[in-house]
């Protein structure tokens, strides 16, 4: 699974002019299930992100995880993280998991974060979403479970 993690002071998702999810201080996590991914990858990614120390401590150093600061997670499905731009100007997305599998793993990932004790809001899988965020830092981290295989 792939994730793009952004430290935010606020983030929200709107679908069809209706705000469906919103967090304050925490993480906006754009996530994509790749072909061949399983629930194991979703759980490992959730655990890694929950422990990611990218929030400032009293000394101003990035030394705290989202749970340490009482933050929340906004998880948004983003199949375009699977973009292959190696050929031409039009990205290909064939390495993304099929929609049914992608949705299942997206939901499982969000559930795994909740099971770790984190407050989680989600976007709507497959919807045309407007994502608003206020970057904190900015701090943006890329993770791919294939990098640790």
C-alpha atoms as a PDB file:
ATOM      1  CA  UNK A   1       0.000   0.000   0.000  1.00  0.00           C
ATOM      2  CA  UNK A   2       1.068   3.526  -0.631  1.00  0.00           C
ATOM      3  CA  UNK A   3       0.367   6.562   1.501  1.00  0.00           C
ATOM      4  CA  UNK A   4       1.113  10.238   1.343  1.00  0.00           C
ATOM      5  CA  UNK A   5       0.968  11.630   4.866  1.00  0.00           C
ATOM      6  CA  UNK A   6       0.593  15.333   5.568  1.00  0.00           C
ATOM      7  CA  UNK A   7       0.811  16.940   8.977  1.00  0.00           C
ATOM      8  CA  UNK A   8      -2.120  19.351   9.176  1.00  0.00           C
ATOM      9  CA  UNK A   9      -3.692  21.871  11.519  1.00  0.00           C
ATOM     10  CA  UNK A  10      -7.043  21.202   9.800  1.00  0.00           C
ATOM     11  CA  UNK A  11      -8.405  19.082   6.953  1.00  0.00           C
ATOM     12  CA  UNK A  12     -11.812  18.223   5.543  1.00  0.00           C
ATOM     13  CA  UNK A  13     -13.508  16.331   2.723  1.00  0.00           C
ATOM     14  CA  UNK A  14     -16.534  17.585   0.805  1.00  0.00           C
ATOM     15  CA  UNK A  15     -18.645  15.459  -1.557  1.00  0.00           C
ATOM     16  CA  UNK A  16     -21.485  16.986  -3.609  1.00  0.00           C
ATOM     17  CA  UNK A  17     -21.248  20.287  -1.692  1.00  0.00           C
ATOM     18  CA  UNK A  18     -21.620  18.463   1.672  1.00  0.00           C
ATOM     19  CA  UNK A  19     -18.754  18.274   4.173  1.00  0.00           C
ATOM     20  CA  UNK A  20     -18.542  14.578   5.134  1.00  0.00           C
ATOM     21  CA  UNK A  21     -15.391  14.531   7.273  1.00  0.00           C
ATOM     22  CA  UNK A  22     -13.271  17.007   9.183  1.00  0.00           C
ATOM     23  CA  UNK A  23     -10.354  16.968  11.614  1.00  0.00           C
ATOM     24  CA  UNK A  24      -8.271  19.541  13.397  1.00  0.00           C
ATOM     25  CA  UNK A  25      -4.624  18.927  14.315  1.00  0.00           C
ATOM     26  CA  UNK A  26      -3.403  15.581  12.987  1.00  0.00           C
ATOM     27  CA  UNK A  27      -2.700  13.699   9.786  1.00  0.00           C
ATOM     28  CA  UNK A  28      -4.267  13.782   6.358  1.00  0.00           C
ATOM     29  CA  UNK A  29      -3.481  10.364   4.903  1.00  0.00           C
ATOM     30  CA  UNK A  30      -3.976   9.800   1.183  1.00  0.00           C
ATOM     31  CA  UNK A  31      -3.876   6.031   0.675  1.00  0.00           C
ATOM     32  CA  UNK A  32      -3.833   3.655  -2.311  1.00  0.00           C
ATOM     33  CA  UNK A  33      -4.068  -0.125  -2.311  1.00  0.00           C
ATOM     34  CA  UNK A  34      -1.795  -1.652  -4.927  1.00  0.00           C
ATOM     35  CA  UNK A  35      -2.404  -4.848  -6.892  1.00  0.00           C
ATOM     36  CA  UNK A  36      -1.442  -7.793  -4.694  1.00  0.00           C
ATOM     37  CA  UNK A  37      -1.828  -5.931  -1.395  1.00  0.00           C
ATOM     38  CA  UNK A  38      -3.554  -7.704   1.484  1.00  0.00           C
ATOM     39  CA  UNK A  39      -4.955  -6.805   4.886  1.00  0.00           C
ATOM     40  CA  UNK A  40      -1.466  -7.462   6.278  1.00  0.00           C
ATOM     41  CA  UNK A  41      -0.042  -4.511   4.309  1.00  0.00           C
ATOM     42  CA  UNK A  42      -2.923  -2.303   5.480  1.00  0.00           C
ATOM     43  CA  UNK A  43      -2.252  -3.210   9.112  1.00  0.00           C
ATOM     44  CA  UNK A  44       1.519  -2.722   8.804  1.00  0.00           C
ATOM     45  CA  UNK A  45       1.044   0.667   7.162  1.00  0.00           C
ATOM     46  CA  UNK A  46      -1.408   1.756   9.863  1.00  0.00           C
ATOM     47  CA  UNK A  47       1.042   0.736  12.580  1.00  0.00           C
ATOM     48  CA  UNK A  48       3.959   2.553  10.914  1.00  0.00           C
ATOM     49  CA  UNK A  49       1.931   5.735  10.489  1.00  0.00           C
ATOM     50  CA  UNK A  50       0.618   5.607  14.065  1.00  0.00           C
ATOM     51  CA  UNK A  51       4.216   5.579  15.330  1.00  0.00           C
ATOM     52  CA  UNK A  52       5.546   8.219  12.924  1.00  0.00           C
ATOM     53  CA  UNK A  53       7.129  10.933  15.079  1.00  0.00           C
ATOM     54  CA  UNK A  54       6.544  14.088  13.060  1.00  0.00           C
ATOM     55  CA  UNK A  55       4.894  16.362  15.644  1.00  0.00           C
ATOM     56  CA  UNK A  56       6.920  18.817  17.703  1.00  0.00           C
ATOM     57  CA  UNK A  57       7.791  18.251  21.345  1.00  0.00           C
ATOM     58  CA  UNK A  58       8.442  21.007  23.917  1.00  0.00           C
ATOM     59  CA  UNK A  59      11.896  21.594  22.407  1.00  0.00           C
ATOM     60  CA  UNK A  60      10.429  22.076  18.927  1.00  0.00           C
ATOM     61  CA  UNK A  61      11.839  18.800  17.601  1.00  0.00           C
ATOM     62  CA  UNK A  62       9.771  16.313  15.615  1.00  0.00           C
ATOM     63  CA  UNK A  63       9.543  13.703  18.347  1.00  0.00           C
ATOM     64  CA  UNK A  64       5.848  12.936  18.863  1.00  0.00           C
ATOM     65  CA  UNK A  65       3.355  10.699  17.076  1.00  0.00           C
ATOM     66  CA  UNK A  66      -0.223  11.661  16.248  1.00  0.00           C
ATOM     67  CA  UNK A  67      -1.577   9.811  19.286  1.00  0.00           C
ATOM     68  CA  UNK A  68       0.911  11.573  21.574  1.00  0.00           C
ATOM     69  CA  UNK A  69      -0.548  14.967  20.667  1.00  0.00           C
ATOM     70  CA  UNK A  70      -4.202  13.894  20.787  1.00  0.00           C
ATOM     71  CA  UNK A  71      -4.469  14.311  17.031  1.00  0.00           C
ATOM     72  CA  UNK A  72      -6.803  12.660  14.543  1.00  0.00           C
ATOM     73  CA  UNK A  73      -6.463  11.081  11.113  1.00  0.00           C
ATOM     74  CA  UNK A  74      -8.398  11.920   7.972  1.00  0.00           C
ATOM     75  CA  UNK A  75      -8.019   8.983   5.561  1.00  0.00           C
ATOM     76  CA  UNK A  76      -8.780   9.615   1.889  1.00  0.00           C
ATOM     77  CA  UNK A  77      -8.644   7.018  -0.888  1.00  0.00           C
ATOM     78  CA  UNK A  78      -6.359   8.164  -3.707  1.00  0.00           C
ATOM     79  CA  UNK A  79      -5.863   5.662  -6.529  1.00  0.00           C
ATOM     80  CA  UNK A  80      -3.705   8.185  -8.384  1.00  0.00           C
ATOM     81  CA  UNK A  81      -0.847   7.363  -5.982  1.00  0.00           C
ATOM     82  CA  UNK A  82      -0.436   4.321  -8.249  1.00  0.00           C
ATOM     83  CA  UNK A  83       0.335   6.561 -11.232  1.00  0.00           C
ATOM     84  CA  UNK A  84       2.936   5.226 -13.654  1.00  0.00           C
ATOM     85  CA  UNK A  85       4.413   8.178 -15.520  1.00  0.00           C
ATOM     86  CA  UNK A  86       7.278   6.284 -17.146  1.00  0.00           C
ATOM     87  CA  UNK A  87       5.703   6.268 -20.616  1.00  0.00           C
ATOM     88  CA  UNK A  88       4.379   9.386 -22.259  1.00  0.00           C
ATOM     89  CA  UNK A  89       2.369  12.183 -20.731  1.00  0.00           C
ATOM     90  CA  UNK A  90      -0.689  10.243 -19.643  1.00  0.00           C
ATOM     91  CA  UNK A  91      -0.288   8.347 -16.365  1.00  0.00           C
ATOM     92  CA  UNK A  92      -1.337   4.720 -16.138  1.00  0.00           C
ATOM     93  CA  UNK A  93      -3.005   3.259 -13.071  1.00  0.00           C
ATOM     94  CA  UNK A  94      -2.942  -0.472 -13.796  1.00  0.00           C
ATOM     95  CA  UNK A  95      -0.792  -1.163 -10.723  1.00  0.00           C
ATOM     96  CA  UNK A  96      -3.606  -0.042  -8.399  1.00  0.00           C
ATOM     97  CA  UNK A  97      -5.767  -2.735  -6.824  1.00  0.00           C
ATOM     98  CA  UNK A  98      -9.150  -3.320  -8.488  1.00  0.00           C
ATOM     99  CA  UNK A  99     -11.886  -1.072  -7.005  1.00  0.00           C
ATOM    100  CA  UNK A 100     -13.547  -3.769  -4.862  1.00  0.00           C
ATOM    101  CA  UNK A 101     -10.222  -4.813  -3.330  1.00  0.00           C
ATOM    102  CA  UNK A 102      -9.100  -1.202  -3.046  1.00  0.00           C
ATOM    103  CA  UNK A 103     -12.221  -0.227  -1.116  1.00  0.00           C
ATOM    104  CA  UNK A 104     -11.905  -3.216   1.207  1.00  0.00           C
ATOM    105  CA  UNK A 105      -8.254  -2.425   1.981  1.00  0.00           C
ATOM    106  CA  UNK A 106      -9.001   1.287   2.369  1.00  0.00           C
ATOM    107  CA  UNK A 107     -11.699   0.496   4.944  1.00  0.00           C
ATOM    108  CA  UNK A 108      -9.452  -2.071   6.624  1.00  0.00           C
ATOM    109  CA  UNK A 109      -6.621   0.473   6.867  1.00  0.00           C
ATOM    110  CA  UNK A 110      -8.933   3.043   8.497  1.00  0.00           C
ATOM    111  CA  UNK A 111     -10.184   0.344  10.880  1.00  0.00           C
ATOM    112  CA  UNK A 112      -6.619  -0.620  11.764  1.00  0.00           C
ATOM    113  CA  UNK A 113      -5.863   2.989  12.736  1.00  0.00           C
ATOM    114  CA  UNK A 114      -9.012   3.034  14.894  1.00  0.00           C
ATOM    115  CA  UNK A 115      -7.953  -0.254  16.517  1.00  0.00           C
ATOM    116  CA  UNK A 116      -4.703   1.492  17.487  1.00  0.00           C
ATOM    117  CA  UNK A 117      -6.768   4.050  19.410  1.00  0.00           C
ATOM    118  CA  UNK A 118      -6.674   6.905  16.916  1.00  0.00           C
ATOM    119  CA  UNK A 119      -9.728   9.009  16.022  1.00  0.00           C
ATOM    120  CA  UNK A 120     -10.320   8.496  12.292  1.00  0.00           C
ATOM    121  CA  UNK A 121     -12.525  10.248   9.754  1.00  0.00           C
ATOM    122  CA  UNK A 122     -12.720   9.058   6.145  1.00  0.00           C
ATOM    123  CA  UNK A 123     -13.532  10.334   2.721  1.00  0.00           C
ATOM    124  CA  UNK A 124     -15.856   8.432   0.388  1.00  0.00           C
ATOM    125  CA  UNK A 125     -14.197   5.726  -1.712  1.00  0.00           C
ATOM    126  CA  UNK A 126     -14.589   6.360  -5.438  1.00  0.00           C
ATOM    127  CA  UNK A 127     -16.304   9.722  -4.993  1.00  0.00           C
ATOM    128  CA  UNK A 128     -15.257  12.992  -6.563  1.00  0.00           C
ATOM    129  CA  UNK A 129     -13.987  14.654  -3.398  1.00  0.00           C
ATOM    130  CA  UNK A 130     -12.818  18.153  -2.591  1.00  0.00           C
ATOM    131  CA  UNK A 131     -10.081  17.891   0.039  1.00  0.00           C
ATOM    132  CA  UNK A 132      -9.190  21.025   1.958  1.00  0.00           C
ATOM    133  CA  UNK A 133      -6.147  21.118   4.188  1.00  0.00           C
ATOM    134  CA  UNK A 134      -3.988  23.499   6.087  1.00  0.00           C
ATOM    135  CA  UNK A 135      -0.451  22.105   6.020  1.00  0.00           C
ATOM    136  CA  UNK A 136       1.520  22.301   9.232  1.00  0.00           C
ATOM    137  CA  UNK A 137       5.160  22.890   8.440  1.00  0.00           C
ATOM    138  CA  UNK A 138       4.643  21.755   5.731  1.00  0.00           C
ATOM    139  CA  UNK A 139       5.509  18.179   6.592  1.00  0.00           C
ATOM    140  CA  UNK A 140       4.755  15.605   3.897  1.00  0.00           C
ATOM    141  CA  UNK A 141       5.948  11.973   4.032  1.00  0.00           C
ATOM    142  CA  UNK A 142       5.675   9.221   1.403  1.00  0.00           C
ATOM    143  CA  UNK A 143       5.357   5.585   2.514  1.00  0.00           C
ATOM    144  CA  UNK A 144       5.086   2.407   0.471  1.00  0.00           C
ATOM    145  CA  UNK A 145       4.886  -1.020   2.103  1.00  0.00           C
ATOM    146  CA  UNK A 146       6.748  -2.446  -0.919  1.00  0.00           C
ATOM    147  CA  UNK A 147       9.800  -0.449   0.204  1.00  0.00           C
ATOM    148  CA  UNK A 148      10.108  -2.676   3.273  1.00  0.00           C
ATOM    149  CA  UNK A 149       9.537  -6.036   1.584  1.00  0.00           C
END
